[in-house]
Amino acid sequence: MLENNNGYKSGFISIIGRPNVGKSTFLNRVIGQKIAIMSDKPQTTRNKVQGVLTSNDSQMIFIDTPGIHKPKHKLGDFMLKVSKNTLREVDVIMFMVNAEQKLGKGDEFILEMLAGNPTPVFLVINKIDQIHPDELIGIIESYKERYDFAEIVPISALQGNNVEDLLTTLTKYLPEGPQYYPADQVTDHPERFIISELIREKVLHLTREEIPHSIAVVIDKIRRDEENEDKIRVAATIIVERDSQKGIVIGKRGALLKEVGIRARKDIEMLLGSKVYLELWVKVQKDWRNKSTHLRDFGFRDDEY
């Protein structure tokens, strides 16, 4: 932790909301590189991802939480616990909603969770580029009736509309404090975690509706190539729950798994700044999302929250 400069502001900001409202898209935009995976499927984010944005006068640590939903298995219980616990740890809460979706039961559930919480809550209405401007007033009014928000900010995380204004307003709510992380650090997650998430993102994109969120990725090893030090060798195992899913992930004559590798390798090379040799395997662990031992093995440790 670096020493506090006079007037320097720093703090933690939780991003919460229903699945698929654009939390990861927002985080990747403000950080300037991909640290959270993006998918049009709900429940993409499983662990809380911390992104660090540092300027000359402030440091904002964003916590991108799993989309809040009714749990259907132990993994779902874990994800909900992560989201709830972050609300007690932060200086500002960003409640992000999708401008294209009407206020629903999921939003009501989140508002009930926020009731009585003394932390300032921003209503961030995302995806305003997808609606007519005249619709915005009705959306704002429907939420204002249910909660006393500190600020209401419409944005487009994808296009960047109003994102800088949101960051400026967030800074005003942060306390004076130290610079927690070095200026060039953008996340507190180890490279292994980000690499596993990049691989999982490619599987989600390429399998579409054929594979639900029964996928985990375990990094088996990361090491410099003994014969070529300019290249890093990464070996990873994609975990699925059923034999039929294994066949889908591998694809006909291994075509889909090969494409996962090609796309993931490009992102991993950007992350590591080095050439990468990526080796992928697929393994079946039946019903792993409901088994505590497997959840811990695959990095979902609820004792950390």
C-alpha atoms as a PDB file:
ATOM      1  CA  MET A   1       0.000   0.000   0.000  1.00  0.00           C
ATOM      2  CA  LEU A   2       1.424   3.360  -1.049  1.00  0.00           C
ATOM      3  CA  GLU A   3       1.362   6.445   1.172  1.00  0.00           C
ATOM      4  CA  ASN A   4      -1.643   8.727   1.022  1.00  0.00           C
ATOM      5  CA  ASN A   5      -1.153  11.984  -0.876  1.00  0.00           C
ATOM      6  CA  ASN A   6      -2.985  14.990   0.553  1.00  0.00           C
ATOM      7  CA  GLY A   7      -6.479  15.038  -0.962  1.00  0.00           C
ATOM      8  CA  TYR A   8      -5.990  11.695  -2.707  1.00  0.00           C
ATOM      9  CA  LYS A   9      -9.197   9.635  -2.858  1.00  0.00           C
ATOM     10  CA  SER A  10      -9.520   5.866  -2.937  1.00  0.00           C
ATOM     11  CA  GLY A  11     -12.217   3.313  -2.296  1.00  0.00           C
ATOM     12  CA  PHE A  12     -14.084   0.192  -3.250  1.00  0.00           C
ATOM     13  CA  ILE A  13     -17.100   0.099  -5.561  1.00  0.00           C
ATOM     14  CA  SER A  14     -19.329  -2.943  -5.922  1.00  0.00           C
ATOM     15  CA  ILE A  15     -21.114  -3.542  -9.231  1.00  0.00           C
ATOM     16  CA  ILE A  16     -24.288  -5.554  -8.666  1.00  0.00           C
ATOM     17  CA  GLY A  17     -27.290  -6.396 -10.807  1.00  0.00           C
ATOM     18  CA  ARG A  18     -29.244  -9.113 -12.513  1.00  0.00           C
ATOM     19  CA  PRO A  19     -27.379 -11.396 -14.925  1.00  0.00           C
ATOM     20  CA  ASN A  20     -26.502  -9.979 -18.334  1.00  0.00           C
ATOM     21  CA  VAL A  21     -26.884  -6.261 -17.565  1.00  0.00           C
ATOM     22  CA  GLY A  22     -23.350  -5.439 -18.742  1.00  0.00           C
ATOM     23  CA  LYS A  23     -21.283  -5.402 -15.540  1.00  0.00           C
ATOM     24  CA  SER A  24     -18.263  -7.082 -17.105  1.00  0.00           C
ATOM     25  CA  THR A  25     -18.494  -4.924 -20.232  1.00  0.00           C
ATOM     26  CA  PHE A  26     -18.390  -1.816 -18.039  1.00  0.00           C
ATOM     27  CA  LEU A  27     -15.447  -3.093 -16.003  1.00  0.00           C
ATOM     28  CA  ASN A  28     -13.401  -3.985 -19.070  1.00  0.00           C
ATOM     29  CA  ARG A  29     -14.100  -0.565 -20.596  1.00  0.00           C
ATOM     30  CA  VAL A  30     -12.997   1.495 -17.590  1.00  0.00           C
ATOM     31  CA  ILE A  31      -9.943  -0.673 -16.905  1.00  0.00           C
ATOM     32  CA  GLY A  32      -8.952  -0.604 -20.563  1.00  0.00           C
ATOM     33  CA  GLN A  33      -8.336  -4.311 -21.010  1.00  0.00           C
ATOM     34  CA  LYS A  34     -10.154  -7.571 -20.563  1.00  0.00           C
ATOM     35  CA  ILE A  35     -10.104  -8.850 -16.976  1.00  0.00           C
ATOM     36  CA  ALA A  36     -13.732 -10.019 -16.807  1.00  0.00           C
ATOM     37  CA  ILE A  37     -15.186 -12.396 -19.363  1.00  0.00           C
ATOM     38  CA  MET A  38     -18.167 -11.350 -21.414  1.00  0.00           C
ATOM     39  CA  SER A  39     -21.021 -13.481 -22.691  1.00  0.00           C
ATOM     40  CA  ASP A  40     -24.646 -12.962 -23.614  1.00  0.00           C
ATOM     41  CA  LYS A  41     -25.517 -15.795 -21.229  1.00  0.00           C
ATOM     42  CA  PRO A  42     -26.404 -15.155 -17.575  1.00  0.00           C
ATOM     43  CA  GLN A  43     -24.138 -16.197 -14.699  1.00  0.00           C
ATOM     44  CA  THR A  44     -20.947 -15.602 -16.671  1.00  0.00           C
ATOM     45  CA  THR A  45     -19.082 -14.119 -13.688  1.00  0.00           C
ATOM     46  CA  ARG A  46     -18.662 -16.634 -10.838  1.00  0.00           C
ATOM     47  CA  ASN A  47     -16.044 -15.086  -8.574  1.00  0.00           C
ATOM     48  CA  LYS A  48     -15.788 -11.440  -7.651  1.00  0.00           C
ATOM     49  CA  VAL A  49     -13.366  -9.765 -10.027  1.00  0.00           C
ATOM     50  CA  GLN A  50     -11.498  -6.711  -8.789  1.00  0.00           C
ATOM     51  CA  GLY A  51     -10.493  -4.110 -11.353  1.00  0.00           C
ATOM     52  CA  VAL A  52      -8.245  -1.196 -10.379  1.00  0.00           C
ATOM     53  CA  LEU A  53      -8.511   2.207 -12.041  1.00  0.00           C
ATOM     54  CA  THR A  54      -5.800   4.670 -11.005  1.00  0.00           C
ATOM     55  CA  SER A  55      -5.528   8.364 -11.874  1.00  0.00           C
ATOM     56  CA  ASN A  56      -3.428  11.249 -10.532  1.00  0.00           C
ATOM     57  CA  ASP A  57      -5.962  12.064  -7.815  1.00  0.00           C
ATOM     58  CA  SER A  58      -7.818   8.814  -7.124  1.00  0.00           C
ATOM     59  CA  GLN A  59      -7.859   5.039  -7.194  1.00  0.00           C
ATOM     60  CA  MET A  60     -11.118   3.131  -7.685  1.00  0.00           C
ATOM     61  CA  ILE A  61     -11.251  -0.591  -6.963  1.00  0.00           C
ATOM     62  CA  PHE A  62     -14.260  -2.064  -8.755  1.00  0.00           C
ATOM     63  CA  ILE A  63     -15.700  -5.406  -7.661  1.00  0.00           C
ATOM     64  CA  ASP A  64     -17.657  -7.114 -10.435  1.00  0.00           C
ATOM     65  CA  THR A  65     -19.959  -9.602  -8.723  1.00  0.00           C
ATOM     66  CA  PRO A  66     -21.895 -12.576 -10.096  1.00  0.00           C
ATOM     67  CA  GLY A  67     -25.319 -11.694 -11.458  1.00  0.00           C
ATOM     68  CA  ILE A  68     -27.863 -12.052  -8.665  1.00  0.00           C
ATOM     69  CA  HIS A  69     -30.383 -14.821  -9.284  1.00  0.00           C
ATOM     70  CA  LYS A  70     -32.234 -17.551  -7.427  1.00  0.00           C
ATOM     71  CA  PRO A  71     -29.726 -20.369  -6.786  1.00  0.00           C
ATOM     72  CA  LYS A  72     -30.369 -23.763  -8.411  1.00  0.00           C
ATOM     73  CA  HIS A  73     -27.282 -25.591  -7.107  1.00  0.00           C
ATOM     74  CA  LYS A  74     -24.382 -25.176  -4.675  1.00  0.00           C
ATOM     75  CA  LEU A  75     -22.459 -23.107  -7.215  1.00  0.00           C
ATOM     76  CA  GLY A  76     -25.458 -20.759  -7.359  1.00  0.00           C
ATOM     77  CA  ASP A  77     -25.486 -20.510  -3.546  1.00  0.00           C
ATOM     78  CA  PHE A  78     -21.800 -19.591  -3.657  1.00  0.00           C
ATOM     79  CA  MET A  79     -22.365 -16.906  -6.308  1.00  0.00           C
ATOM     80  CA  LEU A  80     -25.208 -15.290  -4.362  1.00  0.00           C
ATOM     81  CA  LYS A  81     -23.120 -15.285  -1.163  1.00  0.00           C
ATOM     82  CA  VAL A  82     -20.273 -13.537  -2.994  1.00  0.00           C
ATOM     83  CA  SER A  83     -22.606 -10.811  -4.252  1.00  0.00           C
ATOM     84  CA  LYS A  84     -24.238 -10.228  -0.861  1.00  0.00           C
ATOM     85  CA  ASN A  85     -20.966 -10.115   1.061  1.00  0.00           C
ATOM     86  CA  THR A  86     -19.427  -7.419  -1.147  1.00  0.00           C
ATOM     87  CA  LEU A  87     -22.181  -5.006  -0.102  1.00  0.00           C
ATOM     88  CA  ARG A  88     -20.631  -4.811   3.378  1.00  0.00           C
ATOM     89  CA  GLU A  89     -17.111  -4.128   2.111  1.00  0.00           C
ATOM     90  CA  VAL A  90     -17.476  -1.128  -0.172  1.00  0.00           C
ATOM     91  CA  ASP A  91     -17.764   2.669  -0.212  1.00  0.00           C
ATOM     92  CA  VAL A  92     -20.254   2.864  -3.096  1.00  0.00           C
ATOM     93  CA  ILE A  93     -22.690   0.344  -4.612  1.00  0.00           C
ATOM     94  CA  MET A  94     -23.431   0.502  -8.333  1.00  0.00           C
ATOM     95  CA  PHE A  95     -26.784  -1.156  -9.011  1.00  0.00           C
ATOM     96  CA  MET A  96     -26.697  -1.727 -12.766  1.00  0.00           C
ATOM     97  CA  VAL A  97     -29.858  -2.396 -14.767  1.00  0.00           C
ATOM     98  CA  ASN A  98     -30.522  -3.072 -18.429  1.00  0.00           C
ATOM     99  CA  ALA A  99     -32.494  -0.263 -20.094  1.00  0.00           C
ATOM    100  CA  GLU A 100     -34.077  -2.827 -22.416  1.00  0.00           C
ATOM    101  CA  GLN A 101     -35.599  -4.815 -19.546  1.00  0.00           C
ATOM    102  CA  LYS A 102     -38.498  -3.710 -17.403  1.00  0.00           C
ATOM    103  CA  LEU A 103     -38.077  -3.647 -13.624  1.00  0.00           C
ATOM    104  CA  GLY A 104     -38.711  -7.263 -12.649  1.00  0.00           C
ATOM    105  CA  LYS A 105     -38.671  -9.673  -9.725  1.00  0.00           C
ATOM    106  CA  GLY A 106     -34.875  -9.947  -9.887  1.00  0.00           C
ATOM    107  CA  ASP A 107     -34.509  -6.188  -9.504  1.00  0.00           C
ATOM    108  CA  GLU A 108     -37.044  -6.161  -6.655  1.00  0.00           C
ATOM    109  CA  PHE A 109     -35.014  -8.866  -4.906  1.00  0.00           C
ATOM    110  CA  ILE A 110     -31.858  -6.750  -5.174  1.00  0.00           C
ATOM    111  CA  LEU A 111     -33.638  -3.634  -3.907  1.00  0.00           C
ATOM    112  CA  GLU A 112     -34.828  -5.637  -0.882  1.00  0.00           C
ATOM    113  CA  MET A 113     -31.220  -6.693  -0.255  1.00  0.00           C
ATOM    114  CA  LEU A 114     -30.176  -3.031  -0.341  1.00  0.00           C
ATOM    115  CA  ALA A 115     -32.875  -1.863   2.065  1.00  0.00           C
ATOM    116  CA  GLY A 116     -31.331  -0.403   5.220  1.00  0.00           C
ATOM    117  CA  ASN A 117     -27.804  -0.440   3.792  1.00  0.00           C
ATOM    118  CA  PRO A 118     -26.130   2.900   4.670  1.00  0.00           C
ATOM    119  CA  THR A 119     -23.758   2.694   1.682  1.00  0.00           C
ATOM    120  CA  PRO A 120     -24.559   5.178  -1.140  1.00  0.00           C
ATOM    121  CA  VAL A 121     -26.248   3.376  -4.031  1.00  0.00           C
ATOM    122  CA  PHE A 122     -25.958   4.554  -7.646  1.00  0.00           C
ATOM    123  CA  LEU A 123     -28.604   3.426 -10.119  1.00  0.00           C
ATOM    124  CA  VAL A 124     -26.675   2.884 -13.352  1.00  0.00           C
ATOM    125  CA  ILE A 125     -28.969   2.354 -16.328  1.00  0.00           C
ATOM    126  CA  ASN A 126     -26.887   0.563 -18.961  1.00  0.00           C
ATOM    127  CA  LYS A 127     -27.497  -0.064 -22.681  1.00  0.00           C
ATOM    128  CA  ILE A 128     -29.165   3.290 -23.301  1.00  0.00           C
ATOM    129  CA  ASP A 129     -27.894   3.042 -26.896  1.00  0.00           C
ATOM    130  CA  GLN A 130     -30.503   0.306 -27.399  1.00  0.00           C
ATOM    131  CA  ILE A 131     -33.568   2.414 -26.514  1.00  0.00           C
ATOM    132  CA  HIS A 132     -35.222   5.652 -27.627  1.00  0.00           C
ATOM    133  CA  PRO A 133     -34.246   8.585 -25.353  1.00  0.00           C
ATOM    134  CA  ASP A 134     -37.917   9.247 -24.560  1.00  0.00           C
ATOM    135  CA  GLU A 135     -38.123   5.853 -22.807  1.00  0.00           C
ATOM    136  CA  LEU A 136     -35.492   6.818 -20.254  1.00  0.00           C
ATOM    137  CA  ILE A 137     -37.729   9.044 -18.124  1.00  0.00           C
ATOM    138  CA  GLY A 138     -40.186   6.203 -17.464  1.00  0.00           C
ATOM    139  CA  ILE A 139     -37.372   3.830 -16.515  1.00  0.00           C
ATOM    140  CA  ILE A 140     -35.901   6.339 -14.060  1.00  0.00           C
ATOM    141  CA  GLU A 141     -39.299   7.030 -12.464  1.00  0.00           C
ATOM    142  CA  SER A 142     -40.068   3.311 -11.976  1.00  0.00           C
ATOM    143  CA  TYR A 143     -36.857   2.859  -9.953  1.00  0.00           C
ATOM    144  CA  LYS A 144     -37.082   6.169  -8.047  1.00  0.00           C
ATOM    145  CA  GLU A 145     -40.417   5.047  -6.641  1.00  0.00           C
ATOM    146  CA  ARG A 146     -38.758   2.048  -4.995  1.00  0.00           C
ATOM    147  CA  TYR A 147     -35.436   3.364  -3.655  1.00  0.00           C
ATOM    148  CA  ASP A 148     -33.731   6.606  -2.654  1.00  0.00           C
ATOM    149  CA  PHE A 149     -30.654   6.446  -4.887  1.00  0.00           C
ATOM    150  CA  ALA A 150     -27.674   8.703  -4.232  1.00  0.00           C
ATOM    151  CA  GLU A 151     -27.263   9.194  -7.987  1.00  0.00           C
ATOM    152  CA  ILE A 152     -28.949   7.982 -11.181  1.00  0.00           C
ATOM    153  CA  VAL A 153     -26.647   7.764 -14.217  1.00  0.00           C
ATOM    154  CA  PRO A 154     -27.673   6.424 -17.658  1.00  0.00           C
ATOM    155  CA  ILE A 155     -24.742   4.950 -19.646  1.00  0.00           C
ATOM    156  CA  SER A 156     -23.764   2.715 -22.505  1.00  0.00           C
ATOM    157  CA  ALA A 157     -20.841   0.587 -21.350  1.00  0.00           C
ATOM    158  CA  LEU A 158     -20.451  -0.777 -24.874  1.00  0.00           C
ATOM    159  CA  GLN A 159     -20.369   2.626 -26.627  1.00  0.00           C
ATOM    160  CA  GLY A 160     -18.845   4.574 -23.726  1.00  0.00           C
ATOM    161  CA  ASN A 161     -21.704   7.083 -23.421  1.00  0.00           C
ATOM    162  CA  ASN A 162     -21.621   8.932 -20.053  1.00  0.00           C
ATOM    163  CA  VAL A 163     -19.021   6.525 -18.621  1.00  0.00           C
ATOM    164  CA  GLU A 164     -16.542   9.338 -17.875  1.00  0.00           C
ATOM    165  CA  ASP A 165     -19.311  11.337 -16.163  1.00  0.00           C
ATOM    166  CA  LEU A 166     -20.113   8.309 -14.020  1.00  0.00           C
ATOM    167  CA  LEU A 167     -16.462   7.927 -12.989  1.00  0.00           C
ATOM    168  CA  THR A 168     -16.249  11.623 -12.081  1.00  0.00           C
ATOM    169  CA  THR A 169     -19.364  11.365  -9.914  1.00  0.00           C
ATOM    170  CA  LEU A 170     -18.150   8.157  -8.239  1.00  0.00           C
ATOM    171  CA  THR A 171     -14.911   9.889  -7.232  1.00  0.00           C
ATOM    172  CA  LYS A 172     -16.879  12.506  -5.296  1.00  0.00           C
ATOM    173  CA  TYR A 173     -18.282   9.779  -3.030  1.00  0.00           C
ATOM    174  CA  LEU A 174     -14.927   8.172  -2.206  1.00  0.00           C
ATOM    175  CA  PRO A 175     -13.131   8.974   1.060  1.00  0.00           C
ATOM    176  CA  GLU A 176      -9.610  10.319   1.216  1.00  0.00           C
ATOM    177  CA  GLY A 177      -7.300   7.351   1.411  1.00  0.00           C
ATOM    178  CA  PRO A 178      -4.130   5.640   0.233  1.00  0.00           C
ATOM    179  CA  GLN A 179      -3.239   4.258  -3.164  1.00  0.00           C
ATOM    180  CA  TYR A 180      -3.822   0.587  -2.436  1.00  0.00           C
ATOM    181  CA  TYR A 181      -2.255  -0.785  -5.621  1.00  0.00           C
ATOM    182  CA  PRO A 182       0.615   0.311  -7.884  1.00  0.00           C
ATOM    183  CA  ALA A 183      -0.549   2.605 -10.708  1.00  0.00           C
ATOM    184  CA  ASP A 184       0.087  -0.004 -13.412  1.00  0.00           C
ATOM    185  CA  GLN A 185      -1.829  -2.817 -11.698  1.00  0.00           C
ATOM    186  CA  VAL A 186      -5.319  -3.384 -13.125  1.00  0.00           C
ATOM    187  CA  THR A 187      -6.518  -6.388 -11.120  1.00  0.00           C
ATOM    188  CA  ASP A 188      -5.740  -8.297  -7.941  1.00  0.00           C
ATOM    189  CA  HIS A 189      -6.400 -11.681  -9.529  1.00  0.00           C
ATOM    190  CA  PRO A 190      -3.444 -13.924 -10.399  1.00  0.00           C
ATOM    191  CA  GLU A 191      -2.712 -14.659 -14.054  1.00  0.00           C
ATOM    192  CA  ARG A 192      -3.918 -18.257 -13.642  1.00  0.00           C
ATOM    193  CA  PHE A 193      -7.422 -17.062 -12.785  1.00  0.00           C
ATOM    194  CA  ILE A 194      -7.635 -14.672 -15.742  1.00  0.00           C
ATOM    195  CA  ILE A 195      -6.276 -17.289 -18.172  1.00  0.00           C
ATOM    196  CA  SER A 196      -8.847 -19.836 -16.996  1.00  0.00           C
ATOM    197  CA  GLU A 197     -11.610 -17.257 -17.447  1.00  0.00           C
ATOM    198  CA  LEU A 198     -10.444 -16.375 -20.967  1.00  0.00           C
ATOM    199  CA  ILE A 199     -10.611 -20.043 -21.956  1.00  0.00           C
ATOM    200  CA  ARG A 200     -14.062 -20.451 -20.370  1.00  0.00           C
ATOM    201  CA  GLU A 201     -15.308 -17.381 -22.259  1.00  0.00           C
ATOM    202  CA  LYS A 202     -14.354 -18.951 -25.608  1.00  0.00           C
ATOM    203  CA  VAL A 203     -16.161 -22.185 -24.733  1.00  0.00           C
ATOM    204  CA  LEU A 204     -19.308 -20.202 -23.843  1.00  0.00           C
ATOM    205  CA  HIS A 205     -19.150 -18.227 -27.088  1.00  0.00           C
ATOM    206  CA  LEU A 206     -18.626 -21.233 -29.335  1.00  0.00           C
ATOM    207  CA  THR A 207     -21.052 -23.690 -27.745  1.00  0.00           C
ATOM    208  CA  ARG A 208     -23.934 -21.225 -27.355  1.00  0.00           C
ATOM    209  CA  GLU A 209     -27.060 -22.879 -25.965  1.00  0.00           C
ATOM    210  CA  GLU A 210     -25.688 -26.417 -26.285  1.00  0.00           C
ATOM    211  CA  ILE A 211     -23.695 -26.119 -23.055  1.00  0.00           C
ATOM    212  CA  PRO A 212     -25.182 -24.536 -19.923  1.00  0.00           C
ATOM    213  CA  HIS A 213     -22.953 -23.117 -17.202  1.00  0.00           C
ATOM    214  CA  SER A 214     -21.609 -26.520 -16.296  1.00  0.00           C
ATOM    215  CA  ILE A 215     -18.091 -25.610 -17.376  1.00  0.00           C
ATOM    216  CA  ALA A 216     -15.054 -24.946 -15.230  1.00  0.00           C
ATOM    217  CA  VAL A 217     -11.464 -24.488 -16.379  1.00  0.00           C
ATOM    218  CA  VAL A 218      -8.453 -25.613 -14.355  1.00  0.00           C
ATOM    219  CA  ILE A 219      -4.958 -24.410 -15.252  1.00  0.00           C
ATOM    220  CA  ASP A 220      -2.632 -27.403 -14.897  1.00  0.00           C
ATOM    221  CA  LYS A 221       0.632 -25.582 -15.562  1.00  0.00           C
ATOM    222  CA  ILE A 222       2.167 -22.345 -16.817  1.00  0.00           C
ATOM    223  CA  ARG A 223       5.892 -22.378 -17.539  1.00  0.00           C
ATOM    224  CA  ARG A 224       8.524 -21.065 -19.915  1.00  0.00           C
ATOM    225  CA  ASP A 225       9.385 -23.358 -22.802  1.00  0.00           C
ATOM    226  CA  GLU A 226      12.707 -25.018 -22.029  1.00  0.00           C
ATOM    227  CA  GLU A 227      13.839 -24.865 -25.667  1.00  0.00           C
ATOM    228  CA  ASN A 228      12.410 -21.430 -26.482  1.00  0.00           C
ATOM    229  CA  GLU A 229      12.334 -18.962 -23.577  1.00  0.00           C
ATOM    230  CA  ASP A 230      10.286 -16.485 -25.636  1.00  0.00           C
ATOM    231  CA  LYS A 231       7.334 -18.890 -25.523  1.00  0.00           C
ATOM    232  CA  ILE A 232       5.130 -19.793 -22.533  1.00  0.00           C
ATOM    233  CA  ARG A 233       3.490 -23.217 -22.339  1.00  0.00           C
ATOM    234  CA  VAL A 234      -0.001 -23.306 -20.809  1.00  0.00           C
ATOM    235  CA  ALA A 235      -1.861 -26.565 -20.133  1.00  0.00           C
ATOM    236  CA  ALA A 236      -5.514 -26.419 -19.068  1.00  0.00           C
ATOM    237  CA  THR A 237      -8.395 -28.832 -18.478  1.00  0.00           C
ATOM    238  CA  ILE A 238     -11.993 -27.937 -19.341  1.00  0.00           C
ATOM    239  CA  ILE A 239     -14.354 -29.610 -16.862  1.00  0.00           C
ATOM    240  CA  VAL A 240     -17.890 -30.604 -17.910  1.00  0.00           C
ATOM    241  CA  GLU A 241     -20.628 -32.566 -16.122  1.00  0.00           C
ATOM    242  CA  ARG A 242     -21.691 -35.112 -18.756  1.00  0.00           C
ATOM    243  CA  ASP A 243     -20.137 -37.236 -21.497  1.00  0.00           C
ATOM    244  CA  SER A 244     -22.440 -35.626 -24.062  1.00  0.00           C
ATOM    245  CA  GLN A 245     -21.043 -32.200 -23.105  1.00  0.00           C
ATOM    246  CA  LYS A 246     -17.519 -33.488 -23.563  1.00  0.00           C
ATOM    247  CA  GLY A 247     -18.367 -34.455 -27.123  1.00  0.00           C
ATOM    248  CA  ILE A 248     -19.826 -31.023 -27.823  1.00  0.00           C
ATOM    249  CA  VAL A 249     -16.796 -29.155 -26.423  1.00  0.00           C
ATOM    250  CA  ILE A 250     -14.375 -31.303 -28.437  1.00  0.00           C
ATOM    251  CA  GLY A 251     -16.500 -31.079 -31.584  1.00  0.00           C
ATOM    252  CA  LYS A 252     -16.328 -33.107 -34.773  1.00  0.00           C
ATOM    253  CA  ARG A 253     -12.740 -34.313 -35.213  1.00  0.00           C
ATOM    254  CA  GLY A 254     -11.682 -31.904 -32.470  1.00  0.00           C
ATOM    255  CA  ALA A 255     -12.675 -28.831 -34.497  1.00  0.00           C
ATOM    256  CA  LEU A 256     -14.466 -26.894 -31.731  1.00  0.00           C
ATOM    257  CA  LEU A 257     -11.765 -27.470 -29.125  1.00  0.00           C
ATOM    258  CA  LYS A 258      -9.159 -26.361 -31.661  1.00  0.00           C
ATOM    259  CA  GLU A 259     -11.091 -23.127 -32.282  1.00  0.00           C
ATOM    260  CA  VAL A 260     -11.360 -22.524 -28.508  1.00  0.00           C
ATOM    261  CA  GLY A 261      -7.589 -22.848 -28.332  1.00  0.00           C
ATOM    262  CA  ILE A 262      -6.950 -20.471 -31.238  1.00  0.00           C
ATOM    263  CA  ARG A 263      -9.189 -17.732 -29.812  1.00  0.00           C
ATOM    264  CA  ALA A 264      -8.053 -18.133 -26.203  1.00  0.00           C
ATOM    265  CA  ARG A 265      -4.375 -18.153 -27.162  1.00  0.00           C
ATOM    266  CA  LYS A 266      -4.686 -14.688 -28.752  1.00  0.00           C
ATOM    267  CA  ASP A 267      -6.119 -13.190 -25.554  1.00  0.00           C
ATOM    268  CA  ILE A 268      -3.601 -15.006 -23.344  1.00  0.00           C
ATOM    269  CA  GLU A 269      -0.719 -13.728 -25.471  1.00  0.00           C
ATOM    270  CA  MET A 270      -2.019 -10.167 -25.044  1.00  0.00           C
ATOM    271  CA  LEU A 271      -2.278 -10.728 -21.291  1.00  0.00           C
ATOM    272  CA  LEU A 272       1.185 -12.234 -20.864  1.00  0.00           C
ATOM    273  CA  GLY A 273       2.945 -10.210 -23.566  1.00  0.00           C
ATOM    274  CA  SER A 274       4.552 -13.363 -24.924  1.00  0.00           C
ATOM    275  CA  LYS A 275       4.013 -16.126 -27.459  1.00  0.00           C
ATOM    276  CA  VAL A 276       1.931 -18.951 -25.973  1.00  0.00           C
ATOM    277  CA  TYR A 277       1.638 -22.654 -26.677  1.00  0.00           C
ATOM    278  CA  LEU A 278      -1.792 -23.658 -25.346  1.00  0.00           C
ATOM    279  CA  GLU A 279      -2.711 -27.285 -24.667  1.00  0.00           C
ATOM    280  CA  LEU A 280      -6.344 -28.089 -23.824  1.00  0.00           C
ATOM    281  CA  TRP A 281      -7.998 -31.218 -22.455  1.00  0.00           C
ATOM    282  CA  VAL A 282     -11.634 -32.006 -21.638  1.00  0.00           C
ATOM    283  CA  LYS A 283     -12.621 -34.028 -18.566  1.00  0.00           C
ATOM    284  CA  VAL A 284     -15.991 -35.147 -17.145  1.00  0.00           C
ATOM    285  CA  GLN A 285     -16.723 -34.552 -13.444  1.00  0.00           C
ATOM    286  CA  LYS A 286     -20.334 -35.559 -12.986  1.00  0.00           C
ATOM    287  CA  ASP A 287     -22.557 -33.016 -11.183  1.00  0.00           C
ATOM    288  CA  TRP A 288     -19.522 -31.002 -10.013  1.00  0.00           C
ATOM    289  CA  ARG A 289     -21.591 -27.854  -9.346  1.00  0.00           C
ATOM    290  CA  ASN A 290     -23.345 -29.596  -6.449  1.00  0.00           C
ATOM    291  CA  LYS A 291     -20.219 -31.067  -4.815  1.00  0.00           C
ATOM    292  CA  SER A 292     -18.369 -28.885  -2.321  1.00  0.00           C
ATOM    293  CA  THR A 293     -15.042 -30.664  -2.851  1.00  0.00           C
ATOM    294  CA  HIS A 294     -15.132 -30.027  -6.598  1.00  0.00           C
ATOM    295  CA  LEU A 295     -16.191 -26.402  -6.090  1.00  0.00           C
ATOM    296  CA  ARG A 296     -13.162 -25.845  -3.851  1.00  0.00           C
ATOM    297  CA  ASP A 297     -10.872 -27.661  -6.289  1.00  0.00           C
ATOM    298  CA  PHE A 298     -12.048 -25.420  -9.117  1.00  0.00           C
ATOM    299  CA  GLY A 299     -11.468 -22.196  -7.166  1.00  0.00           C
ATOM    300  CA  PHE A 300     -14.888 -21.478  -5.632  1.00  0.00           C
ATOM    301  CA  ARG A 301     -13.882 -21.149  -1.984  1.00  0.00           C
ATOM    302  CA  ASP A 302     -16.687 -19.723   0.132  1.00  0.00           C
ATOM    303  CA  ASP A 303     -14.403 -19.473   3.178  1.00  0.00           C
ATOM    304  CA  GLU A 304     -12.768 -16.503   1.423  1.00  0.00           C
ATOM    305  CA  TYR A 305     -16.011 -14.536   1.582  1.00  0.00           C
END
